Amino acid sequence: FELQKIQRFGFFLINFGKAPLLFYVCHILLIHGVAYIITIYRGLSIYWLVSGSAKNPFPKIPAPEYGFDLATVYFIWLVLLLVLYPLCSVDIRIKRVLPQIFTKTKPH
């Protein structure tokens, strides 16, 4: 019984592992996009989000209203995972059906 639960959860995680580059690129874009949208929705300046540099990545400590409590952060994280799951599933199916697109081998 417990092994079946682990296998189902493992299958969920393996789905992300089979499309790592897509997941990485999309999660960065999605997280930053959501941060901008939430910041604008809350009526805050996005200057703090975009004003860093290599020398000074965080210009100053942001005001407390820029953050969320831990439960909210986990909720947003879970929602973003659920949004990315179907995208990774489609990528896996495409790789399975059309492997020549992603490899250098020529079809015979």
PDB file of N, CA and C in Angstrom:
ATOM      1  N   PHE A   1       0.831  -1.203   0.000  1.00  0.00           N
ATOM      2  CA  PHE A   1       0.000   0.000   0.000  1.00  0.00           C
ATOM      3  C   PHE A   1       0.870   1.259   0.000  1.00  0.00           C
ATOM      4  N   GLU A   2       1.829   1.330   0.911  1.00  0.00           N
ATOM      5  CA  GLU A   2       2.692   2.504   0.997  1.00  0.00           C
ATOM      6  C   GLU A   2       3.579   2.613  -0.239  1.00  0.00           C
ATOM      7  N   LEU A   3       4.026   1.486  -0.770  1.00  0.00           N
ATOM      8  CA  LEU A   3       4.876   1.498  -1.961  1.00  0.00           C
ATOM      9  C   LEU A   3       4.133   2.101  -3.152  1.00  0.00           C
ATOM     10  N   GLN A   4       2.837   1.827  -3.260  1.00  0.00           N
ATOM     11  CA  GLN A   4       2.059   2.394  -4.359  1.00  0.00           C
ATOM     12  C   GLN A   4       1.985   3.916  -4.247  1.00  0.00           C
ATOM     13  N   LYS A   5       1.835   4.428  -3.032  1.00  0.00           N
ATOM     14  CA  LYS A   5       1.812   5.879  -2.842  1.00  0.00           C
ATOM     15  C   LYS A   5       3.145   6.489  -3.251  1.00  0.00           C
ATOM     16  N   ILE A   6       4.227   5.854  -2.845  1.00  0.00           N
ATOM     17  CA  ILE A   6       5.558   6.359  -3.186  1.00  0.00           C
ATOM     18  C   ILE A   6       5.763   6.312  -4.692  1.00  0.00           C
ATOM     19  N   GLN A   7       5.327   5.237  -5.328  1.00  0.00           N
ATOM     20  CA  GLN A   7       5.506   5.116  -6.769  1.00  0.00           C
ATOM     21  C   GLN A   7       4.699   6.186  -7.510  1.00  0.00           C
ATOM     22  N   ARG A   8       3.484   6.463  -7.058  1.00  0.00           N
ATOM     23  CA  ARG A   8       2.680   7.507  -7.703  1.00  0.00           C
ATOM     24  C   ARG A   8       3.335   8.870  -7.553  1.00  0.00           C
ATOM     25  N   PHE A   9       3.830   9.174  -6.361  1.00  0.00           N
ATOM     26  CA  PHE A   9       4.500  10.451  -6.130  1.00  0.00           C
ATOM     27  C   PHE A   9       5.809  10.501  -6.912  1.00  0.00           C
ATOM     28  N   GLY A  10       6.516   9.383  -6.960  1.00  0.00           N
ATOM     29  CA  GLY A  10       7.758   9.301  -7.725  1.00  0.00           C
ATOM     30  C   GLY A  10       7.519   9.533  -9.201  1.00  0.00           C
ATOM     31  N   PHE A  11       6.433   9.002  -9.729  1.00  0.00           N
ATOM     32  CA  PHE A  11       6.090   9.203 -11.135  1.00  0.00           C
ATOM     33  C   PHE A  11       5.875  10.684 -11.417  1.00  0.00           C
ATOM     34  N   PHE A  12       5.243  11.365 -10.480  1.00  0.00           N
ATOM     35  CA  PHE A  12       5.020  12.802 -10.603  1.00  0.00           C
ATOM     36  C   PHE A  12       6.357  13.545 -10.701  1.00  0.00           C
ATOM     37  N   LEU A  13       7.303  13.188  -9.853  1.00  0.00           N
ATOM     38  CA  LEU A  13       8.607  13.851  -9.866  1.00  0.00           C
ATOM     39  C   LEU A  13       9.438  13.457 -11.079  1.00  0.00           C
ATOM     40  N   ILE A  14       9.348  12.208 -11.492  1.00  0.00           N
ATOM     41  CA  ILE A  14      10.101  11.738 -12.659  1.00  0.00           C
ATOM     42  C   ILE A  14       9.673  12.497 -13.903  1.00  0.00           C
ATOM     43  N   ASN A  15       8.427  12.880 -13.969  1.00  0.00           N
ATOM     44  CA  ASN A  15       7.939  13.657 -15.101  1.00  0.00           C
ATOM     45  C   ASN A  15       8.756  14.941 -15.263  1.00  0.00           C
ATOM     46  N   PHE A  16       9.089  15.617 -14.183  1.00  0.00           N
ATOM     47  CA  PHE A  16       9.914  16.818 -14.253  1.00  0.00           C
ATOM     48  C   PHE A  16      11.356  16.476 -14.619  1.00  0.00           C
ATOM     49  N   GLY A  17      11.822  15.347 -14.135  1.00  0.00           N
ATOM     50  CA  GLY A  17      13.195  14.924 -14.412  1.00  0.00           C
ATOM     51  C   GLY A  17      13.432  14.520 -15.854  1.00  0.00           C
ATOM     52  N   LYS A  18      12.386  14.150 -16.565  1.00  0.00           N
ATOM     53  CA  LYS A  18      12.533  13.769 -17.969  1.00  0.00           C
ATOM     54  C   LYS A  18      12.528  14.978 -18.898  1.00  0.00           C
ATOM     55  N   ALA A  19      12.208  16.138 -18.388  1.00  0.00           N
ATOM     56  CA  ALA A  19      12.210  17.370 -19.189  1.00  0.00           C
ATOM     57  C   ALA A  19      12.923  18.471 -18.395  1.00  0.00           C
ATOM     58  N   PRO A  20      14.176  18.250 -18.006  1.00  0.00           N
ATOM     59  CA  PRO A  20      14.821  19.184 -17.081  1.00  0.00           C
ATOM     60  C   PRO A  20      15.064  20.576 -17.640  1.00  0.00           C
ATOM     61  N   LEU A  21      15.526  20.680 -18.892  1.00  0.00           N
ATOM     62  CA  LEU A  21      15.806  22.005 -19.434  1.00  0.00           C
ATOM     63  C   LEU A  21      14.521  22.808 -19.598  1.00  0.00           C
ATOM     64  N   LEU A  22      13.490  22.170 -20.119  1.00  0.00           N
ATOM     65  CA  LEU A  22      12.209  22.854 -20.274  1.00  0.00           C
ATOM     66  C   LEU A  22      11.686  23.311 -18.913  1.00  0.00           C
ATOM     67  N   PHE A  23      11.746  22.423 -17.927  1.00  0.00           N
ATOM     68  CA  PHE A  23      11.280  22.776 -16.587  1.00  0.00           C
ATOM     69  C   PHE A  23      12.083  23.941 -16.028  1.00  0.00           C
ATOM     70  N   TYR A  24      13.401  23.883 -16.165  1.00  0.00           N
ATOM     71  CA  TYR A  24      14.251  24.938 -15.605  1.00  0.00           C
ATOM     72  C   TYR A  24      13.934  26.301 -16.222  1.00  0.00           C
ATOM     73  N   VAL A  25      13.939  26.358 -17.545  1.00  0.00           N
ATOM     74  CA  VAL A  25      13.700  27.628 -18.229  1.00  0.00           C
ATOM     75  C   VAL A  25      12.292  28.156 -17.927  1.00  0.00           C
ATOM     76  N   CYS A  26      11.303  27.273 -18.016  1.00  0.00           N
ATOM     77  CA  CYS A  26       9.913  27.710 -17.794  1.00  0.00           C
ATOM     78  C   CYS A  26       9.660  28.120 -16.350  1.00  0.00           C
ATOM     79  N   HIS A  27      10.270  27.421 -15.386  1.00  0.00           N
ATOM     80  CA  HIS A  27       9.997  27.793 -13.999  1.00  0.00           C
ATOM     81  C   HIS A  27      10.622  29.144 -13.657  1.00  0.00           C
ATOM     82  N   ILE A  28      11.784  29.450 -14.232  1.00  0.00           N
ATOM     83  CA  ILE A  28      12.390  30.762 -13.995  1.00  0.00           C
ATOM     84  C   ILE A  28      11.497  31.863 -14.576  1.00  0.00           C
ATOM     85  N   LEU A  29      11.079  31.673 -15.832  1.00  0.00           N
ATOM     86  CA  LEU A  29      10.216  32.673 -16.472  1.00  0.00           C
ATOM     87  C   LEU A  29       8.887  32.815 -15.734  1.00  0.00           C
ATOM     88  N   LEU A  30       8.294  31.701 -15.350  1.00  0.00           N
ATOM     89  CA  LEU A  30       7.003  31.723 -14.678  1.00  0.00           C
ATOM     90  C   LEU A  30       7.091  32.378 -13.301  1.00  0.00           C
ATOM     91  N   ILE A  31       8.103  32.030 -12.529  1.00  0.00           N
ATOM     92  CA  ILE A  31       8.247  32.604 -11.187  1.00  0.00           C
ATOM     93  C   ILE A  31       8.464  34.115 -11.267  1.00  0.00           C
ATOM     94  N   HIS A  32       9.336  34.550 -12.178  1.00  0.00           N
ATOM     95  CA  HIS A  32       9.578  35.987 -12.289  1.00  0.00           C
ATOM     96  C   HIS A  32       8.358  36.719 -12.841  1.00  0.00           C
ATOM     97  N   GLY A  33       7.670  36.096 -13.776  1.00  0.00           N
ATOM     98  CA  GLY A  33       6.445  36.698 -14.294  1.00  0.00           C
ATOM     99  C   GLY A  33       5.389  36.851 -13.217  1.00  0.00           C
ATOM    100  N   VAL A  34       5.227  35.822 -12.402  1.00  0.00           N
ATOM    101  CA  VAL A  34       4.258  35.883 -11.295  1.00  0.00           C
ATOM    102  C   VAL A  34       4.679  36.938 -10.277  1.00  0.00           C
ATOM    103  N   ALA A  35       5.979  37.053 -10.021  1.00  0.00           N
ATOM    104  CA  ALA A  35       6.458  38.075  -9.083  1.00  0.00           C
ATOM    105  C   ALA A  35       6.117  39.482  -9.585  1.00  0.00           C
ATOM    106  N   TYR A  36       6.330  39.729 -10.874  1.00  0.00           N
ATOM    107  CA  TYR A  36       5.974  41.036 -11.443  1.00  0.00           C
ATOM    108  C   TYR A  36       4.473  41.295 -11.339  1.00  0.00           C
ATOM    109  N   ILE A  37       3.688  40.307 -11.716  1.00  0.00           N
ATOM    110  CA  ILE A  37       2.231  40.475 -11.694  1.00  0.00           C
ATOM    111  C   ILE A  37       1.731  40.744 -10.280  1.00  0.00           C
ATOM    112  N   ILE A  38       2.207  39.963  -9.322  1.00  0.00           N
ATOM    113  CA  ILE A  38       1.774  40.154  -7.933  1.00  0.00           C
ATOM    114  C   ILE A  38       2.219  41.517  -7.407  1.00  0.00           C
ATOM    115  N   THR A  39       3.438  41.912  -7.741  1.00  0.00           N
ATOM    116  CA  THR A  39       3.950  43.209  -7.282  1.00  0.00           C
ATOM    117  C   THR A  39       3.112  44.354  -7.840  1.00  0.00           C
ATOM    118  N   ILE A  40       2.807  44.292  -9.127  1.00  0.00           N
ATOM    119  CA  ILE A  40       1.980  45.341  -9.743  1.00  0.00           C
ATOM    120  C   ILE A  40       0.567  45.303  -9.170  1.00  0.00           C
ATOM    121  N   TYR A  41       0.017  44.095  -8.994  1.00  0.00           N
ATOM    122  CA  TYR A  41      -1.340  43.963  -8.444  1.00  0.00           C
ATOM    123  C   TYR A  41      -1.433  44.567  -7.044  1.00  0.00           C
ATOM    124  N   ARG A  42      -0.390  44.397  -6.271  1.00  0.00           N
ATOM    125  CA  ARG A  42      -0.390  44.926  -4.905  1.00  0.00           C
ATOM    126  C   ARG A  42      -0.085  46.418  -4.864  1.00  0.00           C
ATOM    127  N   GLY A  43       0.172  47.020  -6.021  1.00  0.00           N
ATOM    128  CA  GLY A  43       0.421  48.450  -6.084  1.00  0.00           C
ATOM    129  C   GLY A  43       1.816  48.853  -5.640  1.00  0.00           C
ATOM    130  N   LEU A  44       2.761  47.922  -5.682  1.00  0.00           N
ATOM    131  CA  LEU A  44       4.130  48.211  -5.261  1.00  0.00           C
ATOM    132  C   LEU A  44       5.000  48.492  -6.484  1.00  0.00           C
ATOM    133  N   SER A  45       6.121  49.130  -6.271  1.00  0.00           N
ATOM    134  CA  SER A  45       7.053  49.435  -7.356  1.00  0.00           C
ATOM    135  C   SER A  45       7.830  48.179  -7.743  1.00  0.00           C
ATOM    136  N   ILE A  46       8.014  47.963  -9.045  1.00  0.00           N
ATOM    137  CA  ILE A  46       8.814  46.814  -9.482  1.00  0.00           C
ATOM    138  C   ILE A  46      10.292  47.168  -9.559  1.00  0.00           C
ATOM    139  N   TYR A  47      10.652  48.393  -9.212  1.00  0.00           N
ATOM    140  CA  TYR A  47      12.043  48.834  -9.277  1.00  0.00           C
ATOM    141  C   TYR A  47      12.958  47.893  -8.507  1.00  0.00           C
ATOM    142  N   TRP A  48      12.554  47.485  -7.324  1.00  0.00           N
ATOM    143  CA  TRP A  48      13.409  46.623  -6.507  1.00  0.00           C
ATOM    144  C   TRP A  48      13.663  45.285  -7.191  1.00  0.00           C
ATOM    145  N   LEU A  49      12.691  44.801  -7.972  1.00  0.00           N
ATOM    146  CA  LEU A  49      12.843  43.512  -8.629  1.00  0.00           C
ATOM    147  C   LEU A  49      13.832  43.549  -9.793  1.00  0.00           C
ATOM    148  N   VAL A  50      14.035  44.701 -10.399  1.00  0.00           N
ATOM    149  CA  VAL A  50      14.844  44.789 -11.613  1.00  0.00           C
ATOM    150  C   VAL A  50      16.075  45.673 -11.472  1.00  0.00           C
ATOM    151  N   SER A  51      16.386  46.175 -10.313  1.00  0.00           N
ATOM    152  CA  SER A  51      17.446  47.170 -10.173  1.00  0.00           C
ATOM    153  C   SER A  51      18.788  46.603  -9.731  1.00  0.00           C
ATOM    154  N   GLY A  52      18.939  45.313  -9.633  1.00  0.00           N
ATOM    155  CA  GLY A  52      20.204  44.749  -9.181  1.00  0.00           C
ATOM    156  C   GLY A  52      21.251  44.722 -10.283  1.00  0.00           C
ATOM    157  N   SER A  53      22.496  44.476  -9.888  1.00  0.00           N
ATOM    158  CA  SER A  53      23.593  44.311 -10.829  1.00  0.00           C
ATOM    159  C   SER A  53      24.503  43.211 -10.304  1.00  0.00           C
ATOM    160  N   ALA A  54      25.513  42.838 -11.068  1.00  0.00           N
ATOM    161  CA  ALA A  54      26.425  41.782 -10.619  1.00  0.00           C
ATOM    162  C   ALA A  54      27.181  42.203  -9.365  1.00  0.00           C
ATOM    163  N   LYS A  55      27.542  43.481  -9.294  1.00  0.00           N
ATOM    164  CA  LYS A  55      28.271  43.979  -8.137  1.00  0.00           C
ATOM    165  C   LYS A  55      27.382  44.123  -6.914  1.00  0.00           C
ATOM    166  N   ASN A  56      26.150  44.536  -7.153  1.00  0.00           N
ATOM    167  CA  ASN A  56      25.214  44.805  -6.069  1.00  0.00           C
ATOM    168  C   ASN A  56      23.865  44.162  -6.410  1.00  0.00           C
ATOM    169  N   PRO A  57      23.754  42.819  -6.228  1.00  0.00           N
ATOM    170  CA  PRO A  57      22.553  42.132  -6.707  1.00  0.00           C
ATOM    171  C   PRO A  57      21.260  42.576  -6.034  1.00  0.00           C
ATOM    172  N   PHE A  58      21.324  42.973  -4.805  1.00  0.00           N
ATOM    173  CA  PHE A  58      20.137  43.440  -4.108  1.00  0.00           C
ATOM    174  C   PHE A  58      20.438  44.838  -3.567  1.00  0.00           C
ATOM    175  N   PRO A  59      19.938  45.865  -4.236  1.00  0.00           N
ATOM    176  CA  PRO A  59      20.310  47.239  -3.872  1.00  0.00           C
ATOM    177  C   PRO A  59      20.035  47.606  -2.421  1.00  0.00           C
ATOM    178  N   LYS A  60      18.945  47.154  -1.901  1.00  0.00           N
ATOM    179  CA  LYS A  60      18.623  47.417  -0.494  1.00  0.00           C
ATOM    180  C   LYS A  60      17.629  46.353  -0.049  1.00  0.00           C
ATOM    181  N   ILE A  61      17.451  46.254   1.214  1.00  0.00           N
ATOM    182  CA  ILE A  61      16.493  45.284   1.736  1.00  0.00           C
ATOM    183  C   ILE A  61      15.089  45.779   1.393  1.00  0.00           C
ATOM    184  N   PRO A  62      14.264  44.910   0.783  1.00  0.00           N
ATOM    185  CA  PRO A  62      12.926  45.373   0.402  1.00  0.00           C
ATOM    186  C   PRO A  62      12.033  45.585   1.619  1.00  0.00           C
ATOM    187  N   ALA A  63      11.019  46.371   1.418  1.00  0.00           N
ATOM    188  CA  ALA A  63      10.036  46.600   2.483  1.00  0.00           C
ATOM    189  C   ALA A  63       9.306  45.295   2.777  1.00  0.00           C
ATOM    190  N   PRO A  64       8.818  45.113   3.984  1.00  0.00           N
ATOM    191  CA  PRO A  64       8.136  43.865   4.347  1.00  0.00           C
ATOM    192  C   PRO A  64       6.933  43.522   3.475  1.00  0.00           C
ATOM    193  N   GLU A  65       6.285  44.538   2.888  1.00  0.00           N
ATOM    194  CA  GLU A  65       5.110  44.239   2.074  1.00  0.00           C
ATOM    195  C   GLU A  65       5.452  43.523   0.763  1.00  0.00           C
ATOM    196  N   TYR A  66       6.725  43.399   0.430  1.00  0.00           N
ATOM    197  CA  TYR A  66       7.111  42.657  -0.769  1.00  0.00           C
ATOM    198  C   TYR A  66       7.077  41.146  -0.546  1.00  0.00           C
ATOM    199  N   GLY A  67       7.070  40.706   0.664  1.00  0.00           N
ATOM    200  CA  GLY A  67       7.158  39.279   0.943  1.00  0.00           C
ATOM    201  C   GLY A  67       5.832  38.637   1.302  1.00  0.00           C
ATOM    202  N   PHE A  68       5.901  37.309   1.490  1.00  0.00           N
ATOM    203  CA  PHE A  68       4.749  36.509   1.901  1.00  0.00           C
ATOM    204  C   PHE A  68       5.173  35.605   3.046  1.00  0.00           C
ATOM    205  N   ASP A  69       4.197  35.122   3.797  1.00  0.00           N
ATOM    206  CA  ASP A  69       4.526  34.135   4.819  1.00  0.00           C
ATOM    207  C   ASP A  69       4.848  32.796   4.137  1.00  0.00           C
ATOM    208  N   LEU A  70       5.433  31.879   4.886  1.00  0.00           N
ATOM    209  CA  LEU A  70       5.908  30.626   4.322  1.00  0.00           C
ATOM    210  C   LEU A  70       4.791  29.785   3.715  1.00  0.00           C
ATOM    211  N   ALA A  71       3.633  29.767   4.330  1.00  0.00           N
ATOM    212  CA  ALA A  71       2.513  28.990   3.795  1.00  0.00           C
ATOM    213  C   ALA A  71       2.107  29.497   2.411  1.00  0.00           C
ATOM    214  N   THR A  72       2.109  30.804   2.225  1.00  0.00           N
ATOM    215  CA  THR A  72       1.768  31.377   0.921  1.00  0.00           C
ATOM    216  C   THR A  72       2.833  31.043  -0.120  1.00  0.00           C
ATOM    217  N   VAL A  73       4.091  31.094   0.274  1.00  0.00           N
ATOM    218  CA  VAL A  73       5.177  30.743  -0.645  1.00  0.00           C
ATOM    219  C   VAL A  73       5.029  29.292  -1.095  1.00  0.00           C
ATOM    220  N   TYR A  74       4.753  28.381  -0.168  1.00  0.00           N
ATOM    221  CA  TYR A  74       4.567  26.973  -0.533  1.00  0.00           C
ATOM    222  C   TYR A  74       3.344  26.788  -1.431  1.00  0.00           C
ATOM    223  N   PHE A  75       2.290  27.531  -1.174  1.00  0.00           N
ATOM    224  CA  PHE A  75       1.094  27.439  -2.013  1.00  0.00           C
ATOM    225  C   PHE A  75       1.406  27.890  -3.443  1.00  0.00           C
ATOM    226  N   ILE A  76       2.099  29.013  -3.583  1.00  0.00           N
ATOM    227  CA  ILE A  76       2.473  29.502  -4.916  1.00  0.00           C
ATOM    228  C   ILE A  76       3.379  28.490  -5.606  1.00  0.00           C
ATOM    229  N   TRP A  77       4.324  27.931  -4.883  1.00  0.00           N
ATOM    230  CA  TRP A  77       5.234  26.919  -5.425  1.00  0.00           C
ATOM    231  C   TRP A  77       4.456  25.709  -5.933  1.00  0.00           C
ATOM    232  N   LEU A  78       3.498  25.239  -5.161  1.00  0.00           N
ATOM    233  CA  LEU A  78       2.705  24.078  -5.561  1.00  0.00           C
ATOM    234  C   LEU A  78       1.868  24.382  -6.801  1.00  0.00           C
ATOM    235  N   VAL A  79       1.265  25.555  -6.845  1.00  0.00           N
ATOM    236  CA  VAL A  79       0.476  25.946  -8.018  1.00  0.00           C
ATOM    237  C   VAL A  79       1.364  25.993  -9.262  1.00  0.00           C
ATOM    238  N   LEU A  80       2.561  26.556  -9.128  1.00  0.00           N
ATOM    239  CA  LEU A  80       3.471  26.624 -10.274  1.00  0.00           C
ATOM    240  C   LEU A  80       3.908  25.229 -10.723  1.00  0.00           C
ATOM    241  N   LEU A  81       4.124  24.322  -9.792  1.00  0.00           N
ATOM    242  CA  LEU A  81       4.441  22.936 -10.168  1.00  0.00           C
ATOM    243  C   LEU A  81       3.287  22.304 -10.933  1.00  0.00           C
ATOM    244  N   LEU A  82       2.081  22.538 -10.467  1.00  0.00           N
ATOM    245  CA  LEU A  82       0.915  21.979 -11.155  1.00  0.00           C
ATOM    246  C   LEU A  82       0.723  22.584 -12.547  1.00  0.00           C
ATOM    247  N   VAL A  83       1.106  23.836 -12.723  1.00  0.00           N
ATOM    248  CA  VAL A  83       1.034  24.467 -14.045  1.00  0.00           C
ATOM    249  C   VAL A  83       2.090  23.877 -14.974  1.00  0.00           C
ATOM    250  N   LEU A  84       3.277  23.598 -14.445  1.00  0.00           N
ATOM    251  CA  LEU A  84       4.368  23.084 -15.281  1.00  0.00           C
ATOM    252  C   LEU A  84       4.251  21.592 -15.588  1.00  0.00           C
ATOM    253  N   TYR A  85       3.506  20.852 -14.788  1.00  0.00           N
ATOM    254  CA  TYR A  85       3.389  19.398 -14.988  1.00  0.00           C
ATOM    255  C   TYR A  85       2.865  19.041 -16.379  1.00  0.00           C
ATOM    256  N   PRO A  86       1.750  19.609 -16.839  1.00  0.00           N
ATOM    257  CA  PRO A  86       1.269  19.248 -18.184  1.00  0.00           C
ATOM    258  C   PRO A  86       2.240  19.661 -19.288  1.00  0.00           C
ATOM    259  N   LEU A  87       2.915  20.778 -19.106  1.00  0.00           N
ATOM    260  CA  LEU A  87       3.895  21.224 -20.102  1.00  0.00           C
ATOM    261  C   LEU A  87       5.031  20.213 -20.225  1.00  0.00           C
ATOM    262  N   CYS A  88       5.522  19.721 -19.088  1.00  0.00           N
ATOM    263  CA  CYS A  88       6.579  18.699 -19.114  1.00  0.00           C
ATOM    264  C   CYS A  88       6.058  17.396 -19.706  1.00  0.00           C
ATOM    265  N   SER A  89       4.816  17.036 -19.424  1.00  0.00           N
ATOM    266  CA  SER A  89       4.230  15.813 -19.992  1.00  0.00           C
ATOM    267  C   SER A  89       4.167  15.890 -21.516  1.00  0.00           C
ATOM    268  N   VAL A  90       3.779  17.033 -22.037  1.00  0.00           N
ATOM    269  CA  VAL A  90       3.717  17.218 -23.492  1.00  0.00           C
ATOM    270  C   VAL A  90       5.122  17.118 -24.075  1.00  0.00           C
ATOM    271  N   ASP A  91       6.089  17.719 -23.434  1.00  0.00           N
ATOM    272  CA  ASP A  91       7.464  17.652 -23.912  1.00  0.00           C
ATOM    273  C   ASP A  91       7.962  16.211 -23.954  1.00  0.00           C
ATOM    274  N   ILE A  92       7.638  15.428 -22.939  1.00  0.00           N
ATOM    275  CA  ILE A  92       8.060  14.025 -22.899  1.00  0.00           C
ATOM    276  C   ILE A  92       7.413  13.249 -24.043  1.00  0.00           C
ATOM    277  N   ARG A  93       6.125  13.479 -24.272  1.00  0.00           N
ATOM    278  CA  ARG A  93       5.440  12.792 -25.375  1.00  0.00           C
ATOM    279  C   ARG A  93       6.031  13.167 -26.728  1.00  0.00           C
ATOM    280  N   ILE A  94       6.338  14.429 -26.922  1.00  0.00           N
ATOM    281  CA  ILE A  94       6.938  14.864 -28.182  1.00  0.00           C
ATOM    282  C   ILE A  94       8.303  14.207 -28.367  1.00  0.00           C
ATOM    283  N   LYS A  95       9.102  14.146 -27.308  1.00  0.00           N
ATOM    284  CA  LYS A  95      10.412  13.497 -27.397  1.00  0.00           C
ATOM    285  C   LYS A  95      10.276  12.017 -27.734  1.00  0.00           C
ATOM    286  N   ARG A  96       9.232  11.380 -27.220  1.00  0.00           N
ATOM    287  CA  ARG A  96       9.015   9.963 -27.478  1.00  0.00           C
ATOM    288  C   ARG A  96       8.573   9.722 -28.930  1.00  0.00           C
ATOM    289  N   VAL A  97       7.694  10.575 -29.435  1.00  0.00           N
ATOM    290  CA  VAL A  97       7.140  10.400 -30.776  1.00  0.00           C
ATOM    291  C   VAL A  97       8.111  10.888 -31.854  1.00  0.00           C
ATOM    292  N   LEU A  98       8.793  11.976 -31.610  1.00  0.00           N
ATOM    293  CA  LEU A  98       9.693  12.570 -32.601  1.00  0.00           C
ATOM    294  C   LEU A  98      11.106  12.734 -32.038  1.00  0.00           C
ATOM    295  N   PRO A  99      11.796  11.629 -31.756  1.00  0.00           N
ATOM    296  CA  PRO A  99      13.121  11.751 -31.132  1.00  0.00           C
ATOM    297  C   PRO A  99      14.152  12.426 -32.031  1.00  0.00           C
ATOM    298  N   GLN A 100      13.954  12.378 -33.347  1.00  0.00           N
ATOM    299  CA  GLN A 100      14.942  12.962 -34.251  1.00  0.00           C
ATOM    300  C   GLN A 100      15.022  14.484 -34.109  1.00  0.00           C
ATOM    301  N   ILE A 101      13.994  15.104 -33.582  1.00  0.00           N
ATOM    302  CA  ILE A 101      14.024  16.558 -33.381  1.00  0.00           C
ATOM    303  C   ILE A 101      15.039  16.932 -32.298  1.00  0.00           C
ATOM    304  N   PHE A 102      15.204  16.067 -31.315  1.00  0.00           N
ATOM    305  CA  PHE A 102      16.052  16.382 -30.171  1.00  0.00           C
ATOM    306  C   PHE A 102      17.421  15.723 -30.208  1.00  0.00           C
ATOM    307  N   THR A 103      17.687  14.908 -31.221  1.00  0.00           N
ATOM    308  CA  THR A 103      18.983  14.240 -31.319  1.00  0.00           C
ATOM    309  C   THR A 103      19.601  14.520 -32.672  1.00  0.00           C
ATOM    310  N   LYS A 104      20.858  14.188 -32.817  1.00  0.00           N
ATOM    311  CA  LYS A 104      21.557  14.425 -34.068  1.00  0.00           C
ATOM    312  C   LYS A 104      21.455  13.216 -35.016  1.00  0.00           C
ATOM    313  N   THR A 105      20.811  12.159 -34.576  1.00  0.00           N
ATOM    314  CA  THR A 105      20.711  10.983 -35.446  1.00  0.00           C
ATOM    315  C   THR A 105      19.735  11.255 -36.574  1.00  0.00           C
ATOM    316  N   LYS A 106      20.070  10.691 -37.716  1.00  0.00           N
ATOM    317  CA  LYS A 106      19.200  10.854 -38.890  1.00  0.00           C
ATOM    318  C   LYS A 106      18.258   9.666 -38.969  1.00  0.00           C
ATOM    319  N   PRO A 107      16.995   9.916 -39.324  1.00  0.00           N
ATOM    320  CA  PRO A 107      16.050   8.779 -39.457  1.00  0.00           C
ATOM    321  C   PRO A 107      16.427   7.937 -40.670  1.00  0.00           C
ATOM    322  N   HIS A 108      16.215   6.628 -40.565  1.00  0.00           N
ATOM    323  CA  HIS A 108      16.551   5.702 -41.658  1.00  0.00           C
ATOM    324  C   HIS A 108      15.404   5.570 -42.618  1.00  0.00           C
TER     325      HIS A 108
END
